[in-house]
Amino acid sequence: MALPWALAVLSLLPLLDAQDPACAILKPAPITNATLERLSGKWFYIASVFRNPEYNQSARQIQATFFYFTPNITEDVILLREYQTTGQCVYNSSYLQVQRENGTLSRYADKQDVTEEQLREFHEALKCMGLRETEVLYTDGKKDLCGPLEKQHEEERKKENKGSQVNTELG
């Protein structure tokens, strides 16, 4: 009698790990070289939700933000160049250490205008995490004041790259 009961209980164990299929995408995954390559480039901060009131208050000040990720796969770092509008343009640059064994979840877009499908996925992720759509703080790309600074930086980088090519050719 105990054997059938034990088998029945053991057969239910997989259900302990069961979850809504829509939430499966939120499962952390290791960061690979392919992940870092996909992250490379320009990204736009679209929206956020924070349970911490201090972070939530800070996020309310952000009108628009975009940033560039430049991964260095051999050193496991990412150069982050961030342009943030909070009434004025603020530029920050720093290196992020890659933690390959600890997957993370973030929601950003590679264009300022997101599709209805992308918004739907974001809202589904909120639901999976127990958050409400009413808690979302959205940014507005039309309020971006950093375009001129970004163009200036791009011109400077082009000049630096041109100068390095000339030095390499001469050396």
C-alpha atoms as a PDB file:
ATOM      1  CA  MET A   1       0.000   0.000   0.000  1.00  0.00           C
ATOM      2  CA  ALA A   2       2.840   2.402   0.764  1.00  0.00           C
ATOM      3  CA  LEU A   3       4.503   1.830  -2.634  1.00  0.00           C
ATOM      4  CA  PRO A   4       1.604   3.110  -4.789  1.00  0.00           C
ATOM      5  CA  TRP A   5       1.220   6.123  -2.467  1.00  0.00           C
ATOM      6  CA  ALA A   6       4.953   6.892  -2.661  1.00  0.00           C
ATOM      7  CA  LEU A   7       4.907   6.568  -6.461  1.00  0.00           C
ATOM      8  CA  ALA A   8       1.916   8.889  -6.663  1.00  0.00           C
ATOM      9  CA  VAL A   9       3.667  11.503  -4.507  1.00  0.00           C
ATOM     10  CA  LEU A  10       6.919  11.176  -6.468  1.00  0.00           C
ATOM     11  CA  SER A  11       5.060  11.563  -9.772  1.00  0.00           C
ATOM     12  CA  LEU A  12       3.798  14.948  -8.570  1.00  0.00           C
ATOM     13  CA  LEU A  13       7.289  16.320  -7.812  1.00  0.00           C
ATOM     14  CA  PRO A  14       7.758  17.865 -11.292  1.00  0.00           C
ATOM     15  CA  LEU A  15       4.722  20.049 -10.606  1.00  0.00           C
ATOM     16  CA  LEU A  16       6.654  21.817  -7.845  1.00  0.00           C
ATOM     17  CA  ASP A  17       8.835  23.328 -10.550  1.00  0.00           C
ATOM     18  CA  ALA A  18       5.910  24.009 -12.900  1.00  0.00           C
ATOM     19  CA  GLN A  19       5.220  27.575 -13.909  1.00  0.00           C
ATOM     20  CA  ASP A  20       3.144  29.563 -16.316  1.00  0.00           C
ATOM     21  CA  PRO A  21       4.726  29.020 -19.784  1.00  0.00           C
ATOM     22  CA  ALA A  22       4.593  32.791 -20.349  1.00  0.00           C
ATOM     23  CA  CYS A  23       6.982  33.220 -17.396  1.00  0.00           C
ATOM     24  CA  ALA A  24       9.566  30.739 -18.690  1.00  0.00           C
ATOM     25  CA  ILE A  25      11.453  33.513 -20.511  1.00  0.00           C
ATOM     26  CA  LEU A  26      12.213  35.129 -17.143  1.00  0.00           C
ATOM     27  CA  LYS A  27      14.306  32.188 -16.004  1.00  0.00           C
ATOM     28  CA  PRO A  28      17.919  33.366 -15.487  1.00  0.00           C
ATOM     29  CA  ALA A  29      20.443  32.023 -17.951  1.00  0.00           C
ATOM     30  CA  PRO A  30      24.226  32.159 -18.014  1.00  0.00           C
ATOM     31  CA  ILE A  31      25.761  35.026 -19.968  1.00  0.00           C
ATOM     32  CA  THR A  32      27.658  33.727 -23.009  1.00  0.00           C
ATOM     33  CA  ASN A  33      29.800  35.389 -25.685  1.00  0.00           C
ATOM     34  CA  ALA A  34      26.739  35.311 -27.949  1.00  0.00           C
ATOM     35  CA  THR A  35      24.747  37.168 -25.269  1.00  0.00           C
ATOM     36  CA  LEU A  36      27.433  39.843 -25.066  1.00  0.00           C
ATOM     37  CA  GLU A  37      27.515  40.206 -28.855  1.00  0.00           C
ATOM     38  CA  ARG A  38      23.713  40.712 -28.909  1.00  0.00           C
ATOM     39  CA  LEU A  39      24.057  43.406 -26.242  1.00  0.00           C
ATOM     40  CA  SER A  40      26.590  45.364 -28.280  1.00  0.00           C
ATOM     41  CA  GLY A  41      25.314  48.674 -29.664  1.00  0.00           C
ATOM     42  CA  LYS A  42      22.829  51.412 -28.839  1.00  0.00           C
ATOM     43  CA  TRP A  43      19.921  50.780 -26.456  1.00  0.00           C
ATOM     44  CA  PHE A  44      17.037  52.921 -25.193  1.00  0.00           C
ATOM     45  CA  TYR A  45      15.673  52.907 -21.645  1.00  0.00           C
ATOM     46  CA  ILE A  46      11.929  52.621 -22.197  1.00  0.00           C
ATOM     47  CA  ALA A  47      10.319  51.881 -18.840  1.00  0.00           C
ATOM     48  CA  SER A  48      11.009  50.573 -15.348  1.00  0.00           C
ATOM     49  CA  VAL A  49       9.325  49.358 -12.200  1.00  0.00           C
ATOM     50  CA  PHE A  50      11.031  49.478  -8.819  1.00  0.00           C
ATOM     51  CA  ARG A  51       9.703  48.207  -5.520  1.00  0.00           C
ATOM     52  CA  ASN A  52      12.314  50.238  -3.646  1.00  0.00           C
ATOM     53  CA  PRO A  53      10.776  53.732  -3.100  1.00  0.00           C
ATOM     54  CA  GLU A  54      14.192  55.419  -3.289  1.00  0.00           C
ATOM     55  CA  TYR A  55      14.942  53.921  -6.725  1.00  0.00           C
ATOM     56  CA  ASN A  56      11.388  54.644  -7.822  1.00  0.00           C
ATOM     57  CA  GLN A  57      11.773  58.336  -6.904  1.00  0.00           C
ATOM     58  CA  SER A  58      15.097  58.556  -8.785  1.00  0.00           C
ATOM     59  CA  ALA A  59      13.554  56.896 -11.858  1.00  0.00           C
ATOM     60  CA  ARG A  60      10.782  59.511 -11.903  1.00  0.00           C
ATOM     61  CA  GLN A  61      13.429  62.165 -12.684  1.00  0.00           C
ATOM     62  CA  ILE A  62      14.497  60.406 -15.894  1.00  0.00           C
ATOM     63  CA  GLN A  63      12.876  61.857 -18.988  1.00  0.00           C
ATOM     64  CA  ALA A  64      14.890  59.932 -21.585  1.00  0.00           C
ATOM     65  CA  THR A  65      17.982  57.741 -21.624  1.00  0.00           C
ATOM     66  CA  PHE A  66      19.973  55.891 -24.220  1.00  0.00           C
ATOM     67  CA  PHE A  67      23.278  54.126 -23.909  1.00  0.00           C
ATOM     68  CA  TYR A  68      25.896  52.120 -25.748  1.00  0.00           C
ATOM     69  CA  PHE A  69      27.244  48.746 -24.687  1.00  0.00           C
ATOM     70  CA  THR A  70      30.701  47.842 -26.007  1.00  0.00           C
ATOM     71  CA  PRO A  71      31.626  44.384 -24.684  1.00  0.00           C
ATOM     72  CA  ASN A  72      35.202  43.200 -24.337  1.00  0.00           C
ATOM     73  CA  ILE A  73      34.739  39.434 -24.330  1.00  0.00           C
ATOM     74  CA  THR A  74      38.325  38.550 -23.452  1.00  0.00           C
ATOM     75  CA  GLU A  75      38.334  40.736 -20.319  1.00  0.00           C
ATOM     76  CA  ASP A  76      34.663  40.146 -19.357  1.00  0.00           C
ATOM     77  CA  VAL A  77      33.856  43.853 -19.153  1.00  0.00           C
ATOM     78  CA  ILE A  78      31.397  46.096 -20.952  1.00  0.00           C
ATOM     79  CA  LEU A  79      32.090  49.761 -21.656  1.00  0.00           C
ATOM     80  CA  LEU A  80      28.859  51.605 -20.849  1.00  0.00           C
ATOM     81  CA  ARG A  81      28.358  55.083 -22.318  1.00  0.00           C
ATOM     82  CA  GLU A  82      25.101  56.588 -21.028  1.00  0.00           C
ATOM     83  CA  TYR A  83      23.269  59.737 -22.115  1.00  0.00           C
ATOM     84  CA  GLN A  84      20.490  60.681 -19.692  1.00  0.00           C
ATOM     85  CA  THR A  85      18.035  63.577 -19.813  1.00  0.00           C
ATOM     86  CA  THR A  86      16.770  64.820 -16.447  1.00  0.00           C
ATOM     87  CA  GLY A  87      16.014  68.398 -17.452  1.00  0.00           C
ATOM     88  CA  GLN A  88      19.542  68.571 -18.876  1.00  0.00           C
ATOM     89  CA  CYS A  89      21.821  66.101 -20.622  1.00  0.00           C
ATOM     90  CA  VAL A  90      24.108  64.106 -18.332  1.00  0.00           C
ATOM     91  CA  TYR A  91      26.817  61.855 -19.799  1.00  0.00           C
ATOM     92  CA  ASN A  92      28.421  59.002 -17.875  1.00  0.00           C
ATOM     93  CA  SER A  93      30.923  56.399 -18.949  1.00  0.00           C
ATOM     94  CA  SER A  94      31.993  53.370 -16.922  1.00  0.00           C
ATOM     95  CA  TYR A  95      33.005  49.733 -17.169  1.00  0.00           C
ATOM     96  CA  LEU A  96      30.679  46.959 -16.030  1.00  0.00           C
ATOM     97  CA  GLN A  97      32.125  43.655 -14.869  1.00  0.00           C
ATOM     98  CA  VAL A  98      30.380  40.690 -16.505  1.00  0.00           C
ATOM     99  CA  GLN A  99      29.119  38.052 -14.063  1.00  0.00           C
ATOM    100  CA  ARG A 100      28.688  35.108 -16.412  1.00  0.00           C
ATOM    101  CA  GLU A 101      27.398  32.673 -13.801  1.00  0.00           C
ATOM    102  CA  ASN A 102      24.615  34.932 -12.505  1.00  0.00           C
ATOM    103  CA  GLY A 103      22.014  35.592 -15.202  1.00  0.00           C
ATOM    104  CA  THR A 104      20.025  38.807 -14.986  1.00  0.00           C
ATOM    105  CA  LEU A 105      16.747  40.134 -16.376  1.00  0.00           C
ATOM    106  CA  SER A 106      16.430  43.547 -17.991  1.00  0.00           C
ATOM    107  CA  ARG A 107      13.960  45.106 -20.398  1.00  0.00           C
ATOM    108  CA  TYR A 108      15.339  47.558 -22.945  1.00  0.00           C
ATOM    109  CA  ALA A 109      14.790  48.152 -26.630  1.00  0.00           C
ATOM    110  CA  ASP A 110      17.158  48.816 -29.498  1.00  0.00           C
ATOM    111  CA  LYS A 111      14.741  51.479 -30.840  1.00  0.00           C
ATOM    112  CA  GLN A 112      12.921  54.271 -29.039  1.00  0.00           C
ATOM    113  CA  ASP A 113       9.537  53.209 -30.356  1.00  0.00           C
ATOM    114  CA  VAL A 114       8.576  49.746 -29.150  1.00  0.00           C
ATOM    115  CA  THR A 115       5.974  47.571 -30.815  1.00  0.00           C
ATOM    116  CA  GLU A 116       2.706  46.489 -29.240  1.00  0.00           C
ATOM    117  CA  GLU A 117       4.152  42.961 -29.097  1.00  0.00           C
ATOM    118  CA  GLN A 118       7.207  44.175 -27.133  1.00  0.00           C
ATOM    119  CA  LEU A 119       4.956  46.064 -24.708  1.00  0.00           C
ATOM    120  CA  ARG A 120       2.758  42.998 -24.305  1.00  0.00           C
ATOM    121  CA  GLU A 121       5.824  40.870 -23.465  1.00  0.00           C
ATOM    122  CA  PHE A 122       6.959  43.501 -20.958  1.00  0.00           C
ATOM    123  CA  HIS A 123       3.531  43.537 -19.303  1.00  0.00           C
ATOM    124  CA  GLU A 124       3.513  39.729 -19.153  1.00  0.00           C
ATOM    125  CA  ALA A 125       6.925  39.821 -17.471  1.00  0.00           C
ATOM    126  CA  LEU A 126       5.564  42.312 -14.922  1.00  0.00           C
ATOM    127  CA  LYS A 127       2.673  39.982 -14.163  1.00  0.00           C
ATOM    128  CA  CYS A 128       5.060  37.034 -13.700  1.00  0.00           C
ATOM    129  CA  MET A 129       7.071  39.087 -11.226  1.00  0.00           C
ATOM    130  CA  GLY A 130       3.972  40.127  -9.280  1.00  0.00           C
ATOM    131  CA  LEU A 131       4.092  43.767 -10.441  1.00  0.00           C
ATOM    132  CA  ARG A 132       1.251  45.914 -11.775  1.00  0.00           C
ATOM    133  CA  GLU A 133       1.195  47.897 -15.014  1.00  0.00           C
ATOM    134  CA  THR A 134       0.157  50.947 -12.994  1.00  0.00           C
ATOM    135  CA  GLU A 135       3.604  50.865 -11.328  1.00  0.00           C
ATOM    136  CA  VAL A 136       5.477  51.303 -14.614  1.00  0.00           C
ATOM    137  CA  LEU A 137       7.445  54.525 -15.155  1.00  0.00           C
ATOM    138  CA  TYR A 138       7.849  55.266 -18.871  1.00  0.00           C
ATOM    139  CA  THR A 139      10.449  57.502 -20.475  1.00  0.00           C
ATOM    140  CA  ASP A 140       9.750  59.847 -23.397  1.00  0.00           C
ATOM    141  CA  GLY A 141      12.327  59.910 -26.188  1.00  0.00           C
ATOM    142  CA  LYS A 142      10.885  63.216 -27.429  1.00  0.00           C
ATOM    143  CA  LYS A 143      12.342  64.867 -24.308  1.00  0.00           C
ATOM    144  CA  ASP A 144      15.868  63.687 -25.126  1.00  0.00           C
ATOM    145  CA  LEU A 145      18.394  66.547 -24.911  1.00  0.00           C
ATOM    146  CA  CYS A 146      21.520  64.438 -25.499  1.00  0.00           C
ATOM    147  CA  GLY A 147      21.502  64.144 -29.308  1.00  0.00           C
ATOM    148  CA  PRO A 148      24.013  66.995 -29.854  1.00  0.00           C
ATOM    149  CA  LEU A 149      26.427  65.624 -27.233  1.00  0.00           C
ATOM    150  CA  GLU A 150      26.159  62.145 -28.731  1.00  0.00           C
ATOM    151  CA  LYS A 151      27.021  63.555 -32.197  1.00  0.00           C
ATOM    152  CA  GLN A 152      29.994  65.447 -30.737  1.00  0.00           C
ATOM    153  CA  HIS A 153      31.290  62.257 -29.095  1.00  0.00           C
ATOM    154  CA  GLU A 154      30.853  60.282 -32.338  1.00  0.00           C
ATOM    155  CA  GLU A 155      32.864  62.891 -34.267  1.00  0.00           C
ATOM    156  CA  GLU A 156      35.614  62.775 -31.626  1.00  0.00           C
ATOM    157  CA  ARG A 157      35.730  58.959 -31.826  1.00  0.00           C
ATOM    158  CA  LYS A 158      35.960  59.090 -35.632  1.00  0.00           C
ATOM    159  CA  LYS A 159      38.900  61.526 -35.395  1.00  0.00           C
ATOM    160  CA  GLU A 160      40.621  59.315 -32.794  1.00  0.00           C
ATOM    161  CA  ASN A 161      40.141  56.222 -34.962  1.00  0.00           C
ATOM    162  CA  LYS A 162      41.453  58.074 -38.026  1.00  0.00           C
ATOM    163  CA  GLY A 163      44.487  59.234 -36.012  1.00  0.00           C
ATOM    164  CA  SER A 164      45.197  55.682 -34.808  1.00  0.00           C
ATOM    165  CA  GLN A 165      45.057  54.368 -38.385  1.00  0.00           C
ATOM    166  CA  VAL A 166      47.556  57.001 -39.566  1.00  0.00           C
ATOM    167  CA  ASN A 167      49.907  56.194 -36.639  1.00  0.00           C
ATOM    168  CA  THR A 168      49.629  52.472 -37.386  1.00  0.00           C
ATOM    169  CA  GLU A 169      50.403  53.020 -41.055  1.00  0.00           C
ATOM    170  CA  LEU A 170      53.401  55.250 -40.214  1.00  0.00           C
ATOM    171  CA  GLY A 171      54.758  52.881 -37.528  1.00  0.00           C
END
